[in-house]
N, C-alpha and C. Protein backbone atom coordinates (compact mmCIF):
# COMPACT_ATOMS: atom_id res chain seq x y z
N ASN A 1 0.84 -1.16 0.00
CA ASN A 1 0.00 0.00 0.00
C ASN A 1 0.89 1.24 0.00
N VAL A 2 0.76 2.06 -1.03
CA VAL A 2 1.53 3.30 -1.15
C VAL A 2 0.55 4.45 -1.28
N ASN A 3 0.51 5.31 -0.29
CA ASN A 3 -0.40 6.46 -0.30
C ASN A 3 -1.85 6.05 -0.55
N GLY A 4 -2.29 4.96 0.07
CA GLY A 4 -3.67 4.50 -0.07
C GLY A 4 -3.95 3.69 -1.30
N VAL A 5 -2.93 3.37 -2.09
CA VAL A 5 -3.11 2.59 -3.32
C VAL A 5 -2.38 1.26 -3.15
N THR A 6 -3.12 0.16 -3.31
CA THR A 6 -2.52 -1.16 -3.27
C THR A 6 -1.97 -1.47 -4.65
N LEU A 7 -0.66 -1.72 -4.72
CA LEU A 7 0.01 -1.95 -6.00
C LEU A 7 0.49 -3.38 -6.11
N GLY A 8 0.61 -3.87 -7.34
CA GLY A 8 1.12 -5.21 -7.56
C GLY A 8 1.60 -5.39 -8.99
N TYR A 9 2.30 -6.49 -9.20
CA TYR A 9 2.74 -6.86 -10.54
C TYR A 9 2.67 -8.37 -10.66
N THR A 10 2.07 -8.85 -11.73
CA THR A 10 2.03 -10.28 -12.03
C THR A 10 2.42 -10.46 -13.49
N SER A 11 3.43 -11.27 -13.72
CA SER A 11 3.91 -11.53 -15.08
C SER A 11 2.81 -12.13 -15.94
N GLY A 12 2.75 -11.70 -17.19
CA GLY A 12 1.83 -12.28 -18.16
C GLY A 12 0.44 -11.66 -18.18
N THR A 13 0.18 -10.66 -17.36
CA THR A 13 -1.16 -10.05 -17.33
C THR A 13 -1.31 -8.91 -18.32
N GLY A 14 -0.18 -8.42 -18.85
CA GLY A 14 -0.24 -7.29 -19.77
C GLY A 14 -0.31 -5.95 -19.07
N GLN A 15 -0.21 -5.97 -17.75
CA GLN A 15 -0.23 -4.72 -16.97
C GLN A 15 1.06 -4.62 -16.19
N GLY A 16 1.73 -3.49 -16.27
CA GLY A 16 2.98 -3.30 -15.55
C GLY A 16 4.12 -4.06 -16.18
N ASN A 17 5.30 -3.92 -15.57
CA ASN A 17 6.48 -4.64 -16.05
C ASN A 17 7.50 -4.66 -14.93
N ALA A 18 8.46 -5.56 -15.05
CA ALA A 18 9.54 -5.64 -14.07
C ALA A 18 10.76 -6.25 -14.73
N SER A 19 11.94 -5.81 -14.29
CA SER A 19 13.18 -6.42 -14.75
C SER A 19 14.18 -6.37 -13.61
N ALA A 20 15.15 -7.27 -13.66
CA ALA A 20 16.14 -7.36 -12.59
C ALA A 20 17.53 -7.48 -13.20
N THR A 21 18.50 -6.88 -12.50
CA THR A 21 19.90 -7.02 -12.88
C THR A 21 20.68 -7.46 -11.66
N LYS A 22 21.80 -8.13 -11.91
CA LYS A 22 22.66 -8.61 -10.83
C LYS A 22 24.09 -8.21 -11.14
N ASP A 23 24.78 -7.66 -10.15
CA ASP A 23 26.18 -7.29 -10.27
C ASP A 23 26.87 -7.81 -9.01
N GLY A 24 27.47 -8.97 -9.10
CA GLY A 24 28.06 -9.60 -7.91
C GLY A 24 26.96 -9.98 -6.94
N SER A 25 27.00 -9.41 -5.74
CA SER A 25 25.96 -9.70 -4.76
C SER A 25 24.92 -8.58 -4.67
N HIS A 26 24.94 -7.67 -5.65
CA HIS A 26 24.01 -6.53 -5.68
C HIS A 26 22.91 -6.80 -6.71
N TYR A 27 21.66 -6.66 -6.29
CA TYR A 27 20.51 -6.87 -7.16
C TYR A 27 19.72 -5.58 -7.27
N LYS A 28 19.22 -5.29 -8.48
CA LYS A 28 18.39 -4.12 -8.70
C LYS A 28 17.16 -4.56 -9.49
N ILE A 29 15.99 -4.27 -8.94
CA ILE A 29 14.72 -4.64 -9.56
C ILE A 29 13.96 -3.34 -9.83
N THR A 30 13.57 -3.14 -11.08
CA THR A 30 12.84 -1.93 -11.46
C THR A 30 11.62 -2.31 -12.28
N GLY A 31 10.66 -1.41 -12.32
CA GLY A 31 9.50 -1.66 -13.15
C GLY A 31 8.36 -0.71 -12.85
N THR A 32 7.18 -1.12 -13.29
CA THR A 32 5.95 -0.37 -13.07
C THR A 32 4.91 -1.31 -12.49
N ALA A 33 4.32 -0.92 -11.38
CA ALA A 33 3.26 -1.70 -10.75
C ALA A 33 1.92 -1.03 -11.04
N THR A 34 0.86 -1.84 -11.06
CA THR A 34 -0.48 -1.34 -11.33
C THR A 34 -1.34 -1.55 -10.09
N GLY A 35 -2.24 -0.63 -9.84
CA GLY A 35 -3.10 -0.75 -8.68
C GLY A 35 -4.39 0.03 -8.84
N VAL A 36 -5.15 0.06 -7.75
CA VAL A 36 -6.43 0.74 -7.73
C VAL A 36 -6.46 1.68 -6.53
N ASP A 37 -6.79 2.93 -6.81
CA ASP A 37 -7.01 3.91 -5.75
C ASP A 37 -8.49 3.83 -5.38
N MET A 38 -8.79 3.38 -4.17
CA MET A 38 -10.18 3.19 -3.78
C MET A 38 -10.97 4.50 -3.76
N ALA A 39 -10.29 5.65 -3.75
CA ALA A 39 -10.98 6.93 -3.85
C ALA A 39 -11.50 7.16 -5.27
N ASN A 40 -10.89 6.46 -6.26
CA ASN A 40 -11.31 6.55 -7.66
C ASN A 40 -11.08 5.19 -8.30
N PRO A 41 -11.88 4.18 -7.94
CA PRO A 41 -11.63 2.80 -8.36
C PRO A 41 -11.78 2.53 -9.86
N MET A 42 -12.36 3.44 -10.61
CA MET A 42 -12.54 3.22 -12.05
C MET A 42 -11.32 3.64 -12.86
N SER A 43 -10.34 4.23 -12.20
CA SER A 43 -9.15 4.71 -12.89
C SER A 43 -7.91 3.98 -12.37
N PRO A 44 -7.33 3.07 -13.15
CA PRO A 44 -6.13 2.35 -12.71
C PRO A 44 -4.97 3.31 -12.44
N VAL A 45 -4.12 2.91 -11.51
CA VAL A 45 -2.95 3.70 -11.14
C VAL A 45 -1.70 2.93 -11.53
N ASN A 46 -0.74 3.59 -12.16
CA ASN A 46 0.55 2.98 -12.49
C ASN A 46 1.65 3.76 -11.78
N LYS A 47 2.50 3.04 -11.06
CA LYS A 47 3.60 3.69 -10.33
C LYS A 47 4.89 2.94 -10.63
N SER A 48 5.95 3.69 -10.88
CA SER A 48 7.25 3.06 -11.09
C SER A 48 7.84 2.68 -9.74
N PHE A 49 8.69 1.65 -9.73
CA PHE A 49 9.34 1.23 -8.50
C PHE A 49 10.78 0.83 -8.78
N GLU A 50 11.60 0.89 -7.75
CA GLU A 50 13.00 0.47 -7.82
C GLU A 50 13.38 -0.10 -6.46
N ILE A 51 13.92 -1.30 -6.47
CA ILE A 51 14.37 -1.97 -5.25
C ILE A 51 15.82 -2.37 -5.45
N GLU A 52 16.67 -2.01 -4.51
CA GLU A 52 18.08 -2.40 -4.58
C GLU A 52 18.44 -3.12 -3.29
N VAL A 53 19.09 -4.29 -3.42
CA VAL A 53 19.54 -5.05 -2.25
C VAL A 53 20.93 -5.59 -2.50
N THR A 54 21.67 -5.75 -1.42
CA THR A 54 22.98 -6.39 -1.48
C THR A 54 22.97 -7.55 -0.50
N CYS A 55 23.30 -8.72 -0.99
CA CYS A 55 23.36 -9.91 -0.15
C CYS A 55 24.79 -10.13 0.31
N SER A 56 24.92 -10.57 1.54
CA SER A 56 26.28 -10.82 2.05
C SER A 56 26.53 -12.29 2.25
């Protein structure tokens, strides 16, 4: 939930996208998630995201 909007991504649905890269033990995941703002449920919301993690 981001600012009252529940977001998600599921491969193969035709909505949103995601990709990942790996550099040693560093991972970066970027994409666009789709969700619904319950204040305006008839209008889909798309938000970009970026997640970076390093595993030790």
